[in-house]
Amino acid sequence: MARLASPLLLGECAVRAPQNKPAQRLPMVNPSLNETLRGTAATNWLQIATLIETLLRSVELLTVEIEYEEVRVGVRDLSDPTYSVLARRLRARKDNIRATIVSLEMLDQEAPKAA
């Protein structure tokens, strides 16, 4: 029964715990934080610009593929029931990519205001 009288079982540990807590410290101010944020913003801007360029190239390629498909089928009118299903899907994809480009350009324009 001597073991049951240990400090852990009697709750003495809970009484001592606050005494063993390290003092709370204020967070250190990072003098290079602004530089880090500027560097991150520059990296993000570069990534966005690169992504926009890549997407613009994709739009160009899709335009060529759509034109090829329209010539192959011989129908260029979207309202024609015999218009190529592939060309129609490629057009939808191209429109989605253009919308993404517009969103990224808006994001890119807002970025300098935040910095």
N, C-alpha and C. Protein backbone atom coordinates (compact mmCIF):
# COMPACT_ATOMS: atom_id res chain seq x y z
N MET A 1 0.80 -1.19 0.00
CA MET A 1 0.00 0.00 0.00
C MET A 1 0.85 1.26 0.00
N ALA A 2 2.11 1.14 0.25
CA ALA A 2 2.98 2.31 0.28
C ALA A 2 3.02 2.97 -1.09
N ARG A 3 2.83 2.18 -2.11
CA ARG A 3 2.88 2.72 -3.47
C ARG A 3 1.70 3.66 -3.73
N LEU A 4 0.57 3.42 -3.12
CA LEU A 4 -0.61 4.25 -3.36
C LEU A 4 -0.42 5.66 -2.83
N ALA A 5 0.52 5.88 -1.97
CA ALA A 5 0.73 7.19 -1.38
C ALA A 5 1.68 8.04 -2.20
N SER A 6 1.96 7.66 -3.44
CA SER A 6 2.89 8.46 -4.26
C SER A 6 2.28 9.82 -4.57
N PRO A 7 3.08 10.82 -4.85
CA PRO A 7 2.58 12.18 -5.11
C PRO A 7 1.64 12.23 -6.32
N LEU A 8 1.86 11.38 -7.31
CA LEU A 8 1.00 11.41 -8.49
C LEU A 8 -0.42 11.00 -8.15
N LEU A 9 -0.56 10.03 -7.26
CA LEU A 9 -1.89 9.54 -6.92
C LEU A 9 -2.61 10.47 -5.95
N LEU A 10 -1.87 11.24 -5.18
CA LEU A 10 -2.49 12.11 -4.19
C LEU A 10 -2.84 13.48 -4.78
N GLY A 11 -2.47 13.72 -6.01
CA GLY A 11 -2.81 14.99 -6.64
C GLY A 11 -1.79 16.07 -6.38
N GLU A 12 -0.67 15.73 -5.75
CA GLU A 12 0.35 16.74 -5.48
C GLU A 12 0.97 17.25 -6.77
N CYS A 13 0.99 16.44 -7.77
CA CYS A 13 1.56 16.84 -9.06
C CYS A 13 0.78 18.03 -9.61
N ALA A 14 -0.53 17.98 -9.48
CA ALA A 14 -1.36 19.07 -9.98
C ALA A 14 -1.08 20.36 -9.23
N VAL A 15 -0.74 20.25 -7.96
CA VAL A 15 -0.43 21.43 -7.16
C VAL A 15 0.92 21.99 -7.58
N ARG A 16 1.86 21.15 -7.90
CA ARG A 16 3.20 21.60 -8.27
C ARG A 16 3.29 22.05 -9.74
N ALA A 17 2.40 21.62 -10.58
CA ALA A 17 2.51 21.88 -12.01
C ALA A 17 2.66 23.36 -12.35
N PRO A 18 1.87 24.26 -11.78
CA PRO A 18 2.04 25.67 -12.15
C PRO A 18 3.42 26.21 -11.80
N GLN A 19 4.03 25.70 -10.77
CA GLN A 19 5.36 26.15 -10.38
C GLN A 19 6.41 25.74 -11.40
N ASN A 20 6.15 24.65 -12.11
CA ASN A 20 7.11 24.14 -13.07
C ASN A 20 6.93 24.73 -14.47
N LYS A 21 5.89 25.54 -14.68
CA LYS A 21 5.63 26.10 -16.00
C LYS A 21 6.69 27.15 -16.34
N PRO A 22 7.19 27.13 -17.54
CA PRO A 22 8.12 28.18 -17.92
C PRO A 22 7.38 29.51 -18.06
N ALA A 23 8.07 30.59 -17.84
CA ALA A 23 7.45 31.91 -17.96
C ALA A 23 7.04 32.14 -19.41
N GLN A 24 5.91 32.77 -19.61
CA GLN A 24 5.47 33.06 -20.96
C GLN A 24 6.30 34.22 -21.50
N ARG A 25 6.71 34.06 -22.72
CA ARG A 25 7.53 35.09 -23.34
C ARG A 25 6.75 35.71 -24.50
N LEU A 26 7.00 36.96 -24.73
CA LEU A 26 6.40 37.63 -25.87
C LEU A 26 7.10 37.14 -27.14
N PRO A 27 6.36 37.04 -28.23
CA PRO A 27 7.00 36.60 -29.47
C PRO A 27 8.05 37.61 -29.91
N MET A 28 9.13 37.09 -30.43
CA MET A 28 10.21 37.96 -30.90
C MET A 28 9.79 38.64 -32.19
N VAL A 29 10.17 39.88 -32.30
CA VAL A 29 9.89 40.63 -33.52
C VAL A 29 10.96 40.26 -34.53
N ASN A 30 10.50 39.87 -35.71
CA ASN A 30 11.43 39.49 -36.76
C ASN A 30 11.69 40.72 -37.63
N PRO A 31 12.88 41.32 -37.54
CA PRO A 31 13.14 42.53 -38.32
C PRO A 31 13.13 42.28 -39.83
N SER A 32 13.36 41.06 -40.22
CA SER A 32 13.38 40.78 -41.66
C SER A 32 12.02 40.31 -42.17
N LEU A 33 10.98 40.44 -41.35
CA LEU A 33 9.66 39.98 -41.75
C LEU A 33 9.16 40.71 -43.00
N ASN A 34 9.32 42.03 -43.03
CA ASN A 34 8.88 42.78 -44.20
C ASN A 34 9.63 42.35 -45.44
N GLU A 35 10.91 42.10 -45.30
CA GLU A 35 11.71 41.64 -46.44
C GLU A 35 11.23 40.26 -46.88
N THR A 36 10.92 39.41 -45.92
CA THR A 36 10.43 38.08 -46.24
C THR A 36 9.09 38.16 -46.98
N LEU A 37 8.20 39.03 -46.48
CA LEU A 37 6.91 39.19 -47.14
C LEU A 37 7.07 39.75 -48.54
N ARG A 38 7.98 40.71 -48.70
CA ARG A 38 8.22 41.25 -50.04
C ARG A 38 8.77 40.18 -50.97
N GLY A 39 9.68 39.37 -50.45
CA GLY A 39 10.25 38.28 -51.25
C GLY A 39 9.19 37.26 -51.64
N THR A 40 8.31 36.95 -50.70
CA THR A 40 7.22 36.02 -50.98
C THR A 40 6.27 36.61 -52.02
N ALA A 41 5.96 37.89 -51.88
CA ALA A 41 5.07 38.54 -52.85
C ALA A 41 5.69 38.54 -54.23
N ALA A 42 7.01 38.79 -54.29
CA ALA A 42 7.69 38.79 -55.59
C ALA A 42 7.67 37.39 -56.20
N THR A 43 7.88 36.39 -55.37
CA THR A 43 7.83 35.01 -55.86
C THR A 43 6.44 34.66 -56.35
N ASN A 44 5.43 35.05 -55.58
CA ASN A 44 4.04 34.79 -55.99
C ASN A 44 3.72 35.50 -57.30
N TRP A 45 4.16 36.75 -57.42
CA TRP A 45 3.90 37.50 -58.65
C TRP A 45 4.55 36.80 -59.83
N LEU A 46 5.78 36.33 -59.65
CA LEU A 46 6.49 35.63 -60.72
C LEU A 46 5.76 34.34 -61.09
N GLN A 47 5.28 33.61 -60.10
CA GLN A 47 4.55 32.38 -60.37
C GLN A 47 3.25 32.66 -61.12
N ILE A 48 2.56 33.72 -60.72
CA ILE A 48 1.30 34.08 -61.39
C ILE A 48 1.58 34.49 -62.83
N ALA A 49 2.62 35.30 -63.04
CA ALA A 49 2.97 35.74 -64.39
C ALA A 49 3.34 34.55 -65.26
N THR A 50 4.08 33.61 -64.72
CA THR A 50 4.46 32.41 -65.47
C THR A 50 3.23 31.58 -65.80
N LEU A 51 2.34 31.44 -64.83
CA LEU A 51 1.11 30.67 -65.06
C LEU A 51 0.25 31.32 -66.15
N ILE A 52 0.15 32.65 -66.12
CA ILE A 52 -0.62 33.36 -67.15
C ILE A 52 -0.01 33.11 -68.53
N GLU A 53 1.30 33.19 -68.63
CA GLU A 53 1.97 32.92 -69.91
C GLU A 53 1.69 31.51 -70.40
N THR A 54 1.75 30.55 -69.50
CA THR A 54 1.49 29.16 -69.86
C THR A 54 0.05 28.98 -70.33
N LEU A 55 -0.88 29.62 -69.62
CA LEU A 55 -2.29 29.51 -70.00
C LEU A 55 -2.56 30.20 -71.34
N LEU A 56 -1.89 31.32 -71.59
CA LEU A 56 -2.04 31.99 -72.88
C LEU A 56 -1.56 31.09 -74.01
N ARG A 57 -0.48 30.38 -73.76
CA ARG A 57 0.03 29.43 -74.76
C ARG A 57 -0.98 28.31 -74.98
N SER A 58 -1.61 27.85 -73.92
CA SER A 58 -2.64 26.81 -74.04
C SER A 58 -3.82 27.31 -74.87
N VAL A 59 -4.20 28.57 -74.69
CA VAL A 59 -5.29 29.15 -75.47
C VAL A 59 -4.92 29.17 -76.95
N GLU A 60 -3.67 29.54 -77.25
CA GLU A 60 -3.21 29.55 -78.64
C GLU A 60 -3.27 28.15 -79.25
N LEU A 61 -2.81 27.17 -78.50
CA LEU A 61 -2.84 25.79 -79.00
C LEU A 61 -4.27 25.30 -79.21
N LEU A 62 -5.15 25.62 -78.28
CA LEU A 62 -6.55 25.22 -78.43
C LEU A 62 -7.19 25.89 -79.64
N THR A 63 -6.83 27.15 -79.89
CA THR A 63 -7.35 27.85 -81.07
C THR A 63 -6.95 27.13 -82.35
N VAL A 64 -5.70 26.70 -82.41
CA VAL A 64 -5.22 25.96 -83.58
C VAL A 64 -5.96 24.63 -83.71
N GLU A 65 -6.14 23.93 -82.60
CA GLU A 65 -6.84 22.64 -82.64
C GLU A 65 -8.30 22.81 -83.06
N ILE A 66 -8.94 23.88 -82.60
CA ILE A 66 -10.34 24.13 -82.97
C ILE A 66 -10.43 24.41 -84.47
N GLU A 67 -9.52 25.26 -84.95
CA GLU A 67 -9.53 25.57 -86.39
C GLU A 67 -9.29 24.32 -87.23
N TYR A 68 -8.37 23.49 -86.79
CA TYR A 68 -8.09 22.25 -87.52
C TYR A 68 -9.33 21.36 -87.57
N GLU A 69 -9.99 21.23 -86.42
CA GLU A 69 -11.18 20.37 -86.34
C GLU A 69 -12.31 20.93 -87.21
N GLU A 70 -12.47 22.25 -87.21
CA GLU A 70 -13.51 22.86 -88.04
C GLU A 70 -13.23 22.64 -89.53
N VAL A 71 -11.96 22.76 -89.92
CA VAL A 71 -11.59 22.52 -91.32
C VAL A 71 -11.79 21.04 -91.66
N ARG A 72 -11.40 20.16 -90.75
CA ARG A 72 -11.53 18.74 -91.00
C ARG A 72 -12.98 18.33 -91.21
N VAL A 73 -13.88 18.87 -90.37
CA VAL A 73 -15.30 18.53 -90.47
C VAL A 73 -15.98 19.34 -91.57
N GLY A 74 -15.47 20.53 -91.81
CA GLY A 74 -16.07 21.39 -92.82
C GLY A 74 -17.22 22.24 -92.31
N VAL A 75 -17.34 22.37 -91.02
CA VAL A 75 -18.41 23.18 -90.42
C VAL A 75 -17.78 24.14 -89.41
N ARG A 76 -18.04 25.45 -89.60
CA ARG A 76 -17.50 26.46 -88.68
C ARG A 76 -18.60 27.14 -87.86
N ASP A 77 -19.83 26.89 -88.19
CA ASP A 77 -20.96 27.54 -87.53
C ASP A 77 -21.35 26.75 -86.28
N LEU A 78 -21.25 27.41 -85.11
CA LEU A 78 -21.59 26.75 -83.84
C LEU A 78 -23.06 26.33 -83.77
N SER A 79 -23.93 27.05 -84.46
CA SER A 79 -25.35 26.71 -84.40
C SER A 79 -25.73 25.55 -85.32
N ASP A 80 -24.79 25.15 -86.17
CA ASP A 80 -25.04 24.02 -87.08
C ASP A 80 -25.05 22.72 -86.27
N PRO A 81 -26.09 21.90 -86.42
CA PRO A 81 -26.17 20.65 -85.65
C PRO A 81 -25.02 19.68 -85.96
N THR A 82 -24.38 19.84 -87.10
CA THR A 82 -23.28 18.93 -87.45
C THR A 82 -21.92 19.48 -87.00
N TYR A 83 -21.93 20.56 -86.22
CA TYR A 83 -20.68 21.12 -85.72
C TYR A 83 -19.99 20.07 -84.84
N SER A 84 -18.70 19.98 -84.96
CA SER A 84 -17.91 18.96 -84.27
C SER A 84 -18.07 19.04 -82.74
N VAL A 85 -18.32 17.89 -82.15
CA VAL A 85 -18.41 17.81 -80.69
C VAL A 85 -17.05 18.13 -80.07
N LEU A 86 -15.98 17.63 -80.68
CA LEU A 86 -14.64 17.91 -80.18
C LEU A 86 -14.36 19.41 -80.20
N ALA A 87 -14.67 20.07 -81.31
CA ALA A 87 -14.44 21.51 -81.41
C ALA A 87 -15.26 22.27 -80.37
N ARG A 88 -16.49 21.82 -80.14
CA ARG A 88 -17.35 22.46 -79.14
C ARG A 88 -16.73 22.34 -77.74
N ARG A 89 -16.22 21.16 -77.43
CA ARG A 89 -15.59 20.93 -76.11
C ARG A 89 -14.29 21.72 -75.98
N LEU A 90 -13.54 21.79 -77.06
CA LEU A 90 -12.30 22.56 -77.03
C LEU A 90 -12.60 24.05 -76.83
N ARG A 91 -13.67 24.53 -77.44
CA ARG A 91 -14.08 25.93 -77.24
C ARG A 91 -14.45 26.18 -75.78
N ALA A 92 -15.18 25.27 -75.19
CA ALA A 92 -15.56 25.42 -73.77
C ALA A 92 -14.31 25.44 -72.90
N ARG A 93 -13.38 24.57 -73.20
CA ARG A 93 -12.13 24.52 -72.43
C ARG A 93 -11.35 25.82 -72.59
N LYS A 94 -11.30 26.33 -73.82
CA LYS A 94 -10.60 27.59 -74.10
C LYS A 94 -11.26 28.74 -73.35
N ASP A 95 -12.58 28.77 -73.31
CA ASP A 95 -13.30 29.82 -72.58
C ASP A 95 -13.00 29.75 -71.08
N ASN A 96 -12.94 28.54 -70.54
CA ASN A 96 -12.62 28.37 -69.11
C ASN A 96 -11.20 28.86 -68.81
N ILE A 97 -10.28 28.57 -69.69
CA ILE A 97 -8.90 29.01 -69.49
C ILE A 97 -8.82 30.53 -69.57
N ARG A 98 -9.56 31.12 -70.49
CA ARG A 98 -9.58 32.59 -70.58
C ARG A 98 -10.13 33.21 -69.30
N ALA A 99 -11.17 32.62 -68.75
CA ALA A 99 -11.73 33.11 -67.50
C ALA A 99 -10.71 33.00 -66.37
N THR A 100 -9.95 31.92 -66.36
CA THR A 100 -8.90 31.76 -65.35
C THR A 100 -7.83 32.83 -65.52
N ILE A 101 -7.47 33.12 -66.75
CA ILE A 101 -6.46 34.16 -67.02
C ILE A 101 -6.94 35.52 -66.50
N VAL A 102 -8.21 35.84 -66.76
CA VAL A 102 -8.76 37.10 -66.28
C VAL A 102 -8.71 37.16 -64.75
N SER A 103 -9.06 36.06 -64.09
CA SER A 103 -9.00 36.00 -62.62
C SER A 103 -7.59 36.21 -62.10
N LEU A 104 -6.63 35.56 -62.74
CA LEU A 104 -5.24 35.69 -62.32
C LEU A 104 -4.72 37.10 -62.57
N GLU A 105 -5.12 37.71 -63.67
CA GLU A 105 -4.70 39.09 -63.93
C GLU A 105 -5.28 40.05 -62.90
N MET A 106 -6.52 39.82 -62.49
CA MET A 106 -7.12 40.66 -61.45
C MET A 106 -6.37 40.46 -60.13
N LEU A 107 -6.04 39.24 -59.82
CA LEU A 107 -5.28 38.94 -58.61
C LEU A 107 -3.91 39.61 -58.66
N ASP A 108 -3.30 39.56 -59.83
CA ASP A 108 -1.99 40.16 -60.02
C ASP A 108 -2.05 41.68 -59.86
N GLN A 109 -3.13 42.31 -60.30
CA GLN A 109 -3.30 43.76 -60.17
C GLN A 109 -3.54 44.17 -58.72
N GLU A 110 -4.20 43.31 -57.96
CA GLU A 110 -4.48 43.60 -56.56
C GLU A 110 -3.26 43.41 -55.67
N ALA A 111 -2.33 42.59 -56.08
CA ALA A 111 -1.17 42.24 -55.24
C ALA A 111 -0.33 43.44 -54.85
N PRO A 112 0.03 44.39 -55.74
CA PRO A 112 0.85 45.52 -55.32
C PRO A 112 0.17 46.41 -54.28
N LYS A 113 -1.17 46.49 -54.30
CA LYS A 113 -1.88 47.29 -53.32
C LYS A 113 -1.74 46.73 -51.92
N ALA A 114 -1.69 45.40 -51.82
CA ALA A 114 -1.60 44.73 -50.51
C ALA A 114 -0.21 44.87 -49.91
N ALA A 115 0.81 44.99 -50.74
CA ALA A 115 2.20 45.03 -50.23
C ALA A 115 2.58 46.38 -49.71
